[in-house]
Amino acid sequence: MRTVKCIIVTGTPGCGKTRIAKALARELGWTYVDGKHIITALPLSYDARRKCTIVDEDAFAKAAQKRIIKLQGRVVVDSHLSHFIDPAVCRACIVVTCPRDVLFDRLRQRGYSMKKIDDNMQCEIMEVCKAEALELGHHVIEVSGVGMLDVHALKRRLRIGSGLVKAKSNFKGKEEKRKRR
């Protein structure tokens, strides 16, 4: 596989991924890729009990990686599944978090069922996206999905110009590193 490097933005649905991903793509002059468009092109199943679509994470990752390579890596991918993309093609994985009360209100405004809201709230409480991203070997940078976004500070934190991705301690949020397997 050719070496291409994208930035992925993941987090629980409703946490603010899209706002952050679009702002970052605009600031970098990179292409914004909405994971929903990748998902709709995949074969999907439906969970009637939860009233939601079931997506094969491996199929999503494979399709997203093809898109990243086609666009030569200068992309910001926005999806609650983006952390399943191979870390080898990612500069960094931004995990967007959100306070529970804000997330609950956002999901309710979207018209989610109480079961789906509860499932997503549990994912946020347990930091599922972050845990999965770290387990897969991503360089994780945590960012809040509420309040003002300082995209310039985020860009500096990513250190895009140098080709490195290294967090600066003066940016709000946490950074965690794991060795890649």
N, C-alpha and C. Protein backbone atom coordinates (compact mmCIF):
# COMPACT_ATOMS: atom_id res chain seq x y z
N MET A 1 0.85 -1.18 0.00
CA MET A 1 0.00 0.00 0.00
C MET A 1 0.89 1.24 0.00
N ARG A 2 0.54 2.22 -0.82
CA ARG A 2 1.26 3.49 -0.84
C ARG A 2 1.07 4.18 0.50
N THR A 3 2.08 4.94 0.90
CA THR A 3 1.97 5.68 2.14
C THR A 3 1.20 6.97 1.88
N VAL A 4 0.04 7.06 2.45
CA VAL A 4 -0.78 8.27 2.41
C VAL A 4 -1.19 8.56 3.84
N LYS A 5 -1.37 9.79 4.16
CA LYS A 5 -1.72 10.13 5.53
C LYS A 5 -2.91 11.06 5.56
N CYS A 6 -3.95 10.59 6.22
CA CYS A 6 -5.16 11.39 6.39
C CYS A 6 -5.32 11.68 7.87
N ILE A 7 -6.33 12.46 8.18
CA ILE A 7 -6.71 12.68 9.58
C ILE A 7 -8.12 12.14 9.71
N ILE A 8 -8.34 11.34 10.73
CA ILE A 8 -9.68 10.81 10.95
C ILE A 8 -10.27 11.46 12.20
N VAL A 9 -11.57 11.70 12.13
CA VAL A 9 -12.29 12.30 13.25
C VAL A 9 -13.40 11.32 13.63
N THR A 10 -13.36 10.85 14.86
CA THR A 10 -14.31 9.86 15.33
C THR A 10 -14.92 10.30 16.66
N GLY A 11 -15.94 9.60 17.07
CA GLY A 11 -16.61 9.89 18.34
C GLY A 11 -18.05 9.42 18.26
N THR A 12 -18.69 9.43 19.38
CA THR A 12 -20.09 9.02 19.48
C THR A 12 -20.96 9.91 18.59
N PRO A 13 -21.97 9.35 17.93
CA PRO A 13 -22.89 10.20 17.15
C PRO A 13 -23.44 11.33 18.01
N GLY A 14 -23.42 12.55 17.44
CA GLY A 14 -23.94 13.72 18.14
C GLY A 14 -22.92 14.50 18.94
N CYS A 15 -21.67 14.05 18.96
CA CYS A 15 -20.67 14.70 19.83
C CYS A 15 -20.04 15.95 19.20
N GLY A 16 -20.19 16.16 17.90
CA GLY A 16 -19.62 17.34 17.27
C GLY A 16 -18.53 17.06 16.26
N LYS A 17 -18.44 15.83 15.78
CA LYS A 17 -17.40 15.45 14.82
C LYS A 17 -17.43 16.28 13.54
N THR A 18 -18.61 16.46 12.99
CA THR A 18 -18.73 17.12 11.69
C THR A 18 -18.23 18.55 11.74
N ARG A 19 -18.59 19.28 12.76
CA ARG A 19 -18.14 20.67 12.89
C ARG A 19 -16.62 20.73 12.94
N ILE A 20 -16.01 19.86 13.71
CA ILE A 20 -14.55 19.85 13.85
C ILE A 20 -13.88 19.39 12.56
N ALA A 21 -14.39 18.31 11.96
CA ALA A 21 -13.79 17.78 10.73
C ALA A 21 -13.86 18.79 9.59
N LYS A 22 -15.01 19.44 9.42
CA LYS A 22 -15.15 20.43 8.35
C LYS A 22 -14.24 21.64 8.57
N ALA A 23 -14.17 22.11 9.81
CA ALA A 23 -13.32 23.27 10.11
C ALA A 23 -11.85 22.93 9.87
N LEU A 24 -11.43 21.74 10.27
CA LEU A 24 -10.05 21.33 10.08
C LEU A 24 -9.72 21.16 8.60
N ALA A 25 -10.61 20.52 7.86
CA ALA A 25 -10.39 20.34 6.41
C ALA A 25 -10.29 21.69 5.71
N ARG A 26 -11.16 22.60 6.08
CA ARG A 26 -11.14 23.95 5.49
C ARG A 26 -9.82 24.66 5.82
N GLU A 27 -9.39 24.58 7.07
CA GLU A 27 -8.15 25.24 7.49
C GLU A 27 -6.92 24.66 6.78
N LEU A 28 -6.91 23.35 6.59
CA LEU A 28 -5.77 22.69 5.95
C LEU A 28 -5.82 22.77 4.42
N GLY A 29 -7.01 23.07 3.88
CA GLY A 29 -7.18 23.03 2.43
C GLY A 29 -7.25 21.59 1.93
N TRP A 30 -7.70 20.69 2.79
CA TRP A 30 -7.82 19.28 2.45
C TRP A 30 -9.27 18.97 2.11
N THR A 31 -9.51 17.79 1.58
CA THR A 31 -10.85 17.35 1.23
C THR A 31 -11.55 16.77 2.46
N TYR A 32 -12.77 17.21 2.67
CA TYR A 32 -13.61 16.66 3.74
C TYR A 32 -14.34 15.44 3.17
N VAL A 33 -14.26 14.31 3.87
CA VAL A 33 -14.94 13.09 3.45
C VAL A 33 -15.95 12.72 4.54
N ASP A 34 -17.22 12.72 4.16
CA ASP A 34 -18.31 12.36 5.07
C ASP A 34 -18.47 10.84 5.04
N GLY A 35 -18.23 10.21 6.18
CA GLY A 35 -18.35 8.75 6.26
C GLY A 35 -19.73 8.23 5.90
N LYS A 36 -20.76 9.07 6.05
CA LYS A 36 -22.12 8.65 5.69
C LYS A 36 -22.20 8.28 4.21
N HIS A 37 -21.46 9.01 3.36
CA HIS A 37 -21.48 8.70 1.92
C HIS A 37 -20.80 7.37 1.63
N ILE A 38 -19.79 7.04 2.40
CA ILE A 38 -19.13 5.74 2.25
C ILE A 38 -20.07 4.63 2.72
N ILE A 39 -20.72 4.86 3.86
CA ILE A 39 -21.63 3.86 4.43
C ILE A 39 -22.79 3.55 3.48
N THR A 40 -23.37 4.57 2.86
CA THR A 40 -24.54 4.34 2.00
C THR A 40 -24.20 3.51 0.77
N ALA A 41 -22.92 3.44 0.41
CA ALA A 41 -22.50 2.65 -0.75
C ALA A 41 -22.24 1.19 -0.36
N LEU A 42 -22.32 0.86 0.91
CA LEU A 42 -22.04 -0.50 1.39
C LEU A 42 -23.31 -1.32 1.51
N PRO A 43 -23.18 -2.65 1.44
CA PRO A 43 -24.34 -3.48 1.76
C PRO A 43 -24.62 -3.36 3.27
N LEU A 44 -25.86 -3.07 3.62
CA LEU A 44 -26.22 -2.83 5.01
C LEU A 44 -27.31 -3.78 5.47
N SER A 45 -27.39 -3.97 6.79
CA SER A 45 -28.50 -4.71 7.37
C SER A 45 -29.20 -3.79 8.36
N TYR A 46 -30.35 -4.23 8.84
CA TYR A 46 -31.15 -3.39 9.73
C TYR A 46 -31.47 -4.15 11.00
N ASP A 47 -31.28 -3.50 12.15
CA ASP A 47 -31.62 -4.06 13.45
C ASP A 47 -32.97 -3.47 13.85
N ALA A 48 -34.04 -4.27 13.73
CA ALA A 48 -35.39 -3.78 14.00
C ALA A 48 -35.59 -3.43 15.47
N ARG A 49 -34.94 -4.17 16.37
CA ARG A 49 -35.09 -3.90 17.80
C ARG A 49 -34.52 -2.53 18.17
N ARG A 50 -33.36 -2.22 17.64
CA ARG A 50 -32.73 -0.93 17.92
C ARG A 50 -33.15 0.16 16.94
N LYS A 51 -33.82 -0.26 15.87
CA LYS A 51 -34.27 0.66 14.82
C LYS A 51 -33.09 1.44 14.23
N CYS A 52 -32.05 0.67 13.83
CA CYS A 52 -30.87 1.32 13.23
C CYS A 52 -30.22 0.40 12.21
N THR A 53 -29.42 1.02 11.37
CA THR A 53 -28.67 0.31 10.34
C THR A 53 -27.42 -0.30 10.95
N ILE A 54 -27.06 -1.49 10.52
CA ILE A 54 -25.85 -2.17 10.97
C ILE A 54 -24.81 -2.08 9.85
N VAL A 55 -23.64 -1.59 10.19
CA VAL A 55 -22.57 -1.41 9.21
C VAL A 55 -21.42 -2.36 9.55
N ASP A 56 -20.89 -3.02 8.54
CA ASP A 56 -19.72 -3.88 8.70
C ASP A 56 -18.50 -2.96 8.80
N GLU A 57 -17.86 -2.93 9.98
CA GLU A 57 -16.73 -2.02 10.20
C GLU A 57 -15.57 -2.29 9.26
N ASP A 58 -15.30 -3.57 8.97
CA ASP A 58 -14.20 -3.90 8.06
C ASP A 58 -14.49 -3.42 6.64
N ALA A 59 -15.73 -3.59 6.20
CA ALA A 59 -16.10 -3.11 4.86
C ALA A 59 -16.01 -1.59 4.80
N PHE A 60 -16.43 -0.92 5.87
CA PHE A 60 -16.32 0.54 5.92
C PHE A 60 -14.85 0.96 5.81
N ALA A 61 -14.00 0.33 6.62
CA ALA A 61 -12.57 0.69 6.63
C ALA A 61 -11.94 0.48 5.27
N LYS A 62 -12.26 -0.62 4.63
CA LYS A 62 -11.70 -0.92 3.31
C LYS A 62 -12.15 0.12 2.27
N ALA A 63 -13.42 0.44 2.27
CA ALA A 63 -13.95 1.43 1.33
C ALA A 63 -13.37 2.82 1.61
N ALA A 64 -13.24 3.17 2.88
CA ALA A 64 -12.68 4.48 3.24
C ALA A 64 -11.22 4.57 2.83
N GLN A 65 -10.47 3.52 3.04
CA GLN A 65 -9.06 3.51 2.67
C GLN A 65 -8.89 3.66 1.16
N LYS A 66 -9.75 3.04 0.37
CA LYS A 66 -9.70 3.21 -1.09
C LYS A 66 -9.92 4.67 -1.45
N ARG A 67 -10.88 5.30 -0.78
CA ARG A 67 -11.16 6.72 -1.03
C ARG A 67 -9.98 7.60 -0.63
N ILE A 68 -9.36 7.30 0.49
CA ILE A 68 -8.20 8.05 0.97
C ILE A 68 -7.06 7.96 -0.03
N ILE A 69 -6.78 6.76 -0.51
CA ILE A 69 -5.70 6.56 -1.48
C ILE A 69 -6.02 7.28 -2.78
N LYS A 70 -7.26 7.19 -3.22
CA LYS A 70 -7.67 7.88 -4.45
C LYS A 70 -7.45 9.38 -4.34
N LEU A 71 -7.71 9.94 -3.17
CA LEU A 71 -7.55 11.39 -2.94
C LEU A 71 -6.13 11.74 -2.47
N GLN A 72 -5.22 10.79 -2.51
CA GLN A 72 -3.81 10.97 -2.16
C GLN A 72 -3.59 11.41 -0.72
N GLY A 73 -4.51 11.02 0.15
CA GLY A 73 -4.30 11.18 1.58
C GLY A 73 -4.59 12.53 2.19
N ARG A 74 -4.77 13.53 1.40
CA ARG A 74 -5.01 14.86 1.96
C ARG A 74 -6.50 15.03 2.24
N VAL A 75 -6.98 14.20 3.18
CA VAL A 75 -8.39 14.20 3.52
C VAL A 75 -8.59 14.16 5.03
N VAL A 76 -9.74 14.67 5.43
CA VAL A 76 -10.20 14.55 6.82
C VAL A 76 -11.47 13.71 6.74
N VAL A 77 -11.44 12.54 7.36
CA VAL A 77 -12.57 11.61 7.32
C VAL A 77 -13.38 11.77 8.61
N ASP A 78 -14.69 11.97 8.43
CA ASP A 78 -15.61 12.21 9.54
C ASP A 78 -16.59 11.04 9.64
N SER A 79 -16.45 10.24 10.70
CA SER A 79 -17.39 9.14 10.93
C SER A 79 -17.16 8.54 12.31
N HIS A 80 -18.24 8.07 12.90
CA HIS A 80 -18.11 7.37 14.18
C HIS A 80 -17.42 6.02 13.98
N LEU A 81 -17.16 5.64 12.73
CA LEU A 81 -16.46 4.40 12.42
C LEU A 81 -15.06 4.64 11.86
N SER A 82 -14.65 5.90 11.73
CA SER A 82 -13.37 6.19 11.07
C SER A 82 -12.17 5.59 11.79
N HIS A 83 -12.28 5.35 13.08
CA HIS A 83 -11.15 4.77 13.81
C HIS A 83 -10.86 3.32 13.40
N PHE A 84 -11.74 2.71 12.59
CA PHE A 84 -11.48 1.37 12.08
C PHE A 84 -10.57 1.39 10.85
N ILE A 85 -10.29 2.58 10.32
CA ILE A 85 -9.35 2.72 9.21
C ILE A 85 -7.95 2.39 9.71
N ASP A 86 -7.17 1.73 8.88
CA ASP A 86 -5.82 1.30 9.24
C ASP A 86 -4.98 2.49 9.72
N PRO A 87 -4.41 2.42 10.92
CA PRO A 87 -3.58 3.51 11.43
C PRO A 87 -2.40 3.85 10.51
N ALA A 88 -1.97 2.91 9.69
CA ALA A 88 -0.83 3.16 8.80
C ALA A 88 -1.13 4.25 7.77
N VAL A 89 -2.41 4.51 7.48
CA VAL A 89 -2.75 5.55 6.51
C VAL A 89 -3.23 6.83 7.19
N CYS A 90 -3.08 6.91 8.52
CA CYS A 90 -3.59 8.06 9.27
C CYS A 90 -2.47 8.81 9.98
N ARG A 91 -2.50 10.13 9.86
CA ARG A 91 -1.58 10.97 10.63
C ARG A 91 -2.01 10.97 12.09
N ALA A 92 -3.31 11.09 12.32
CA ALA A 92 -3.83 11.16 13.68
C ALA A 92 -5.31 10.81 13.69
N CYS A 93 -5.76 10.41 14.85
CA CYS A 93 -7.17 10.10 15.08
C CYS A 93 -7.67 11.08 16.14
N ILE A 94 -8.52 11.99 15.71
CA ILE A 94 -9.12 12.94 16.65
C ILE A 94 -10.40 12.31 17.19
N VAL A 95 -10.44 12.13 18.50
CA VAL A 95 -11.63 11.59 19.16
C VAL A 95 -12.37 12.77 19.78
N VAL A 96 -13.58 13.00 19.31
CA VAL A 96 -14.39 14.11 19.79
C VAL A 96 -15.27 13.62 20.94
N THR A 97 -15.24 14.36 22.04
CA THR A 97 -16.03 13.99 23.22
C THR A 97 -17.08 15.07 23.47
N CYS A 98 -18.03 14.73 24.32
CA CYS A 98 -19.14 15.65 24.59
C CYS A 98 -19.70 15.37 25.98
N PRO A 99 -20.02 16.42 26.74
CA PRO A 99 -20.66 16.19 28.04
C PRO A 99 -21.98 15.44 27.85
N ARG A 100 -22.29 14.58 28.79
CA ARG A 100 -23.47 13.71 28.65
C ARG A 100 -24.78 14.47 28.50
N ASP A 101 -24.96 15.55 29.23
CA ASP A 101 -26.22 16.29 29.14
C ASP A 101 -26.40 16.91 27.75
N VAL A 102 -25.31 17.42 27.20
CA VAL A 102 -25.36 18.01 25.86
C VAL A 102 -25.61 16.92 24.81
N LEU A 103 -24.92 15.80 24.95
CA LEU A 103 -25.09 14.70 24.01
C LEU A 103 -26.53 14.18 24.03
N PHE A 104 -27.08 14.00 25.22
CA PHE A 104 -28.45 13.53 25.34
C PHE A 104 -29.40 14.45 24.59
N ASP A 105 -29.27 15.75 24.81
CA ASP A 105 -30.15 16.72 24.12
C ASP A 105 -29.98 16.67 22.61
N ARG A 106 -28.74 16.56 22.14
CA ARG A 106 -28.49 16.49 20.69
C ARG A 106 -29.12 15.24 20.08
N LEU A 107 -28.98 14.11 20.74
CA LEU A 107 -29.54 12.85 20.20
C LEU A 107 -31.07 12.89 20.22
N ARG A 108 -31.64 13.47 21.27
CA ARG A 108 -33.10 13.60 21.35
C ARG A 108 -33.61 14.51 20.23
N GLN A 109 -32.89 15.60 19.95
CA GLN A 109 -33.27 16.52 18.87
C GLN A 109 -33.21 15.84 17.51
N ARG A 110 -32.35 14.84 17.36
CA ARG A 110 -32.26 14.08 16.11
C ARG A 110 -33.40 13.08 15.97
N GLY A 111 -34.17 12.91 17.03
CA GLY A 111 -35.29 11.99 16.97
C GLY A 111 -34.92 10.54 17.23
N TYR A 112 -33.78 10.30 17.85
CA TYR A 112 -33.36 8.94 18.17
C TYR A 112 -34.31 8.33 19.20
N SER A 113 -34.50 7.02 19.10
CA SER A 113 -35.30 6.31 20.10
C SER A 113 -34.55 6.32 21.43
N MET A 114 -35.28 6.10 22.52
CA MET A 114 -34.62 6.07 23.84
C MET A 114 -33.59 4.95 23.91
N LYS A 115 -33.85 3.83 23.26
CA LYS A 115 -32.89 2.72 23.25
C LYS A 115 -31.60 3.16 22.54
N LYS A 116 -31.75 3.83 21.39
CA LYS A 116 -30.58 4.27 20.64
C LYS A 116 -29.84 5.37 21.41
N ILE A 117 -30.56 6.26 22.07
CA ILE A 117 -29.93 7.30 22.89
C ILE A 117 -29.14 6.63 24.02
N ASP A 118 -29.76 5.66 24.68
CA ASP A 118 -29.09 4.97 25.78
C ASP A 118 -27.82 4.26 25.30
N ASP A 119 -27.91 3.58 24.16
CA ASP A 119 -26.73 2.89 23.61
C ASP A 119 -25.59 3.87 23.34
N ASN A 120 -25.93 5.01 22.71
CA ASN A 120 -24.91 6.01 22.40
C ASN A 120 -24.36 6.68 23.66
N MET A 121 -25.22 6.92 24.65
CA MET A 121 -24.75 7.49 25.91
C MET A 121 -23.77 6.54 26.60
N GLN A 122 -24.08 5.25 26.58
CA GLN A 122 -23.17 4.26 27.17
C GLN A 122 -21.83 4.25 26.45
N CYS A 123 -21.86 4.37 25.12
CA CYS A 123 -20.61 4.41 24.35
C CYS A 123 -19.77 5.62 24.74
N GLU A 124 -20.42 6.77 24.95
CA GLU A 124 -19.68 7.97 25.35
C GLU A 124 -19.12 7.82 26.76
N ILE A 125 -19.93 7.31 27.69
CA ILE A 125 -19.49 7.12 29.06
C ILE A 125 -18.30 6.17 29.13
N MET A 126 -18.35 5.11 28.36
CA MET A 126 -17.29 4.09 28.37
C MET A 126 -16.13 4.44 27.43
N GLU A 127 -16.22 5.57 26.75
CA GLU A 127 -15.18 6.03 25.82
C GLU A 127 -14.84 4.96 24.79
N VAL A 128 -15.87 4.37 24.20
CA VAL A 128 -15.69 3.26 23.27
C VAL A 128 -14.85 3.63 22.06
N CYS A 129 -15.14 4.76 21.42
CA CYS A 129 -14.37 5.14 20.22
C CYS A 129 -12.90 5.34 20.56
N LYS A 130 -12.62 5.99 21.66
CA LYS A 130 -11.24 6.21 22.09
C LYS A 130 -10.55 4.88 22.39
N ALA A 131 -11.21 4.01 23.15
CA ALA A 131 -10.62 2.73 23.50
C ALA A 131 -10.33 1.88 22.26
N GLU A 132 -11.28 1.86 21.33
CA GLU A 132 -11.07 1.08 20.10
C GLU A 132 -9.94 1.68 19.26
N ALA A 133 -9.88 3.01 19.18
CA ALA A 133 -8.82 3.66 18.40
C ALA A 133 -7.45 3.34 18.99
N LEU A 134 -7.33 3.42 20.30
CA LEU A 134 -6.06 3.10 20.96
C LEU A 134 -5.70 1.63 20.77
N GLU A 135 -6.69 0.77 20.91
CA GLU A 135 -6.45 -0.68 20.74
C GLU A 135 -5.95 -1.00 19.33
N LEU A 136 -6.45 -0.26 18.35
CA LEU A 136 -6.04 -0.48 16.96
C LEU A 136 -4.70 0.17 16.64
N GLY A 137 -4.17 0.98 17.55
CA GLY A 137 -2.85 1.57 17.36
C GLY A 137 -2.82 2.99 16.84
N HIS A 138 -3.94 3.69 16.89
CA HIS A 138 -3.98 5.07 16.43
C HIS A 138 -3.30 6.01 17.41
N HIS A 139 -2.76 7.09 16.86
CA HIS A 139 -2.26 8.23 17.65
C HIS A 139 -3.50 9.06 17.95
N VAL A 140 -3.95 9.07 19.20
CA VAL A 140 -5.23 9.67 19.56
C VAL A 140 -5.04 11.06 20.18
N ILE A 141 -5.84 11.98 19.69
CA ILE A 141 -5.91 13.33 20.25
C ILE A 141 -7.38 13.57 20.60
N GLU A 142 -7.64 13.88 21.86
CA GLU A 142 -9.00 14.10 22.31
C GLU A 142 -9.35 15.58 22.23
N VAL A 143 -10.53 15.90 21.69
CA VAL A 143 -10.99 17.27 21.53
C VAL A 143 -12.45 17.34 21.96
N SER A 144 -12.83 18.41 22.64
CA SER A 144 -14.22 18.60 23.04
C SER A 144 -15.06 19.05 21.85
N GLY A 145 -16.25 18.50 21.74
CA GLY A 145 -17.17 18.85 20.67
C GLY A 145 -18.13 19.97 21.03
N VAL A 146 -17.89 20.65 22.13
CA VAL A 146 -18.74 21.79 22.52
C VAL A 146 -17.86 23.01 22.72
N GLY A 147 -18.48 24.18 22.63
CA GLY A 147 -17.75 25.42 22.82
C GLY A 147 -16.98 25.84 21.59
N MET A 148 -16.16 26.86 21.77
CA MET A 148 -15.37 27.41 20.68
C MET A 148 -14.28 26.42 20.26
N LEU A 149 -14.11 26.28 18.96
CA LEU A 149 -13.05 25.44 18.43
C LEU A 149 -11.92 26.34 17.95
N ASP A 150 -10.74 26.16 18.50
CA ASP A 150 -9.56 26.89 18.04
C ASP A 150 -8.86 26.00 17.02
N VAL A 151 -9.29 26.13 15.76
CA VAL A 151 -8.76 25.26 14.71
C VAL A 151 -7.27 25.52 14.47
N HIS A 152 -6.82 26.75 14.72
CA HIS A 152 -5.40 27.05 14.55
C HIS A 152 -4.57 26.31 15.60
N ALA A 153 -5.06 26.27 16.84
CA ALA A 153 -4.37 25.52 17.89
C ALA A 153 -4.38 24.03 17.57
N LEU A 154 -5.48 23.54 17.04
CA LEU A 154 -5.55 22.12 16.67
C LEU A 154 -4.56 21.83 15.55
N LYS A 155 -4.48 22.71 14.58
CA LYS A 155 -3.52 22.54 13.48
C LYS A 155 -2.09 22.53 14.01
N ARG A 156 -1.78 23.45 14.92
CA ARG A 156 -0.44 23.46 15.53
C ARG A 156 -0.19 22.17 16.30
N ARG A 157 -1.23 21.72 16.97
CA ARG A 157 -1.10 20.48 17.75
C ARG A 157 -0.79 19.30 16.84
N LEU A 158 -1.38 19.29 15.67
CA LEU A 158 -1.12 18.23 14.71
C LEU A 158 0.23 18.41 14.02
N ARG A 159 0.75 19.63 14.04
CA ARG A 159 2.02 19.97 13.40
C ARG A 159 2.08 19.46 11.97
N ILE A 160 1.07 19.82 11.20
CA ILE A 160 0.94 19.36 9.83
C ILE A 160 2.14 19.75 8.97
N GLY A 161 2.60 20.97 9.07
CA GLY A 161 3.69 21.44 8.23
C GLY A 161 4.95 20.62 8.35
N SER A 162 5.24 20.08 9.53
CA SER A 162 6.47 19.33 9.74
C SER A 162 6.33 17.86 9.37
N GLY A 163 5.11 17.44 9.07
CA GLY A 163 4.90 16.03 8.77
C GLY A 163 4.76 15.19 10.02
N LEU A 164 4.90 15.82 11.18
CA LEU A 164 4.77 15.10 12.44
C LEU A 164 3.40 15.32 13.03
N VAL A 165 2.99 14.44 13.86
CA VAL A 165 1.77 14.64 14.62
C VAL A 165 2.18 14.49 16.07
N LYS A 166 2.21 15.60 16.75
CA LYS A 166 2.62 15.60 18.14
C LYS A 166 1.82 16.67 18.86
N ALA A 167 1.27 16.32 19.97
CA ALA A 167 0.42 17.27 20.70
C ALA A 167 1.26 18.28 21.44
N LYS A 168 0.70 19.46 21.59
CA LYS A 168 1.31 20.49 22.42
C LYS A 168 0.50 20.56 23.71
N SER A 169 1.19 20.73 24.81
CA SER A 169 0.53 20.65 26.11
C SER A 169 -0.42 21.82 26.39
N ASN A 170 -0.34 22.92 25.63
CA ASN A 170 -1.19 24.06 25.92
C ASN A 170 -2.57 23.97 25.28
N PHE A 171 -2.87 22.90 24.57
CA PHE A 171 -4.17 22.74 23.93
C PHE A 171 -5.08 21.97 24.87
N LYS A 172 -6.33 22.39 24.99
CA LYS A 172 -7.28 21.70 25.86
C LYS A 172 -7.53 20.30 25.34
N GLY A 173 -7.60 19.36 26.21
CA GLY A 173 -7.86 17.98 25.83
C GLY A 173 -6.69 17.11 26.23
N LYS A 174 -6.83 15.85 25.96
CA LYS A 174 -5.81 14.89 26.34
C LYS A 174 -5.23 14.27 25.08
N GLU A 175 -4.01 13.82 25.19
CA GLU A 175 -3.40 13.08 24.09
C GLU A 175 -2.88 11.78 24.67
N GLU A 176 -3.07 10.74 23.93
CA GLU A 176 -2.55 9.46 24.36
C GLU A 176 -1.86 8.81 23.17
N LYS A 177 -0.75 8.18 23.44
CA LYS A 177 -0.01 7.50 22.39
C LYS A 177 0.08 6.02 22.75
N ARG A 178 0.09 5.20 21.75
CA ARG A 178 0.36 3.78 21.92
C ARG A 178 1.30 3.37 20.82
N LYS A 179 2.17 2.43 21.12
CA LYS A 179 3.04 1.92 20.07
C LYS A 179 2.21 1.16 19.06
N ARG A 180 2.58 1.33 17.80
CA ARG A 180 1.89 0.58 16.75
C ARG A 180 2.43 -0.84 16.74
N ARG A 181 1.54 -1.76 16.47
CA ARG A 181 1.94 -3.18 16.45
C ARG A 181 2.77 -3.49 15.25
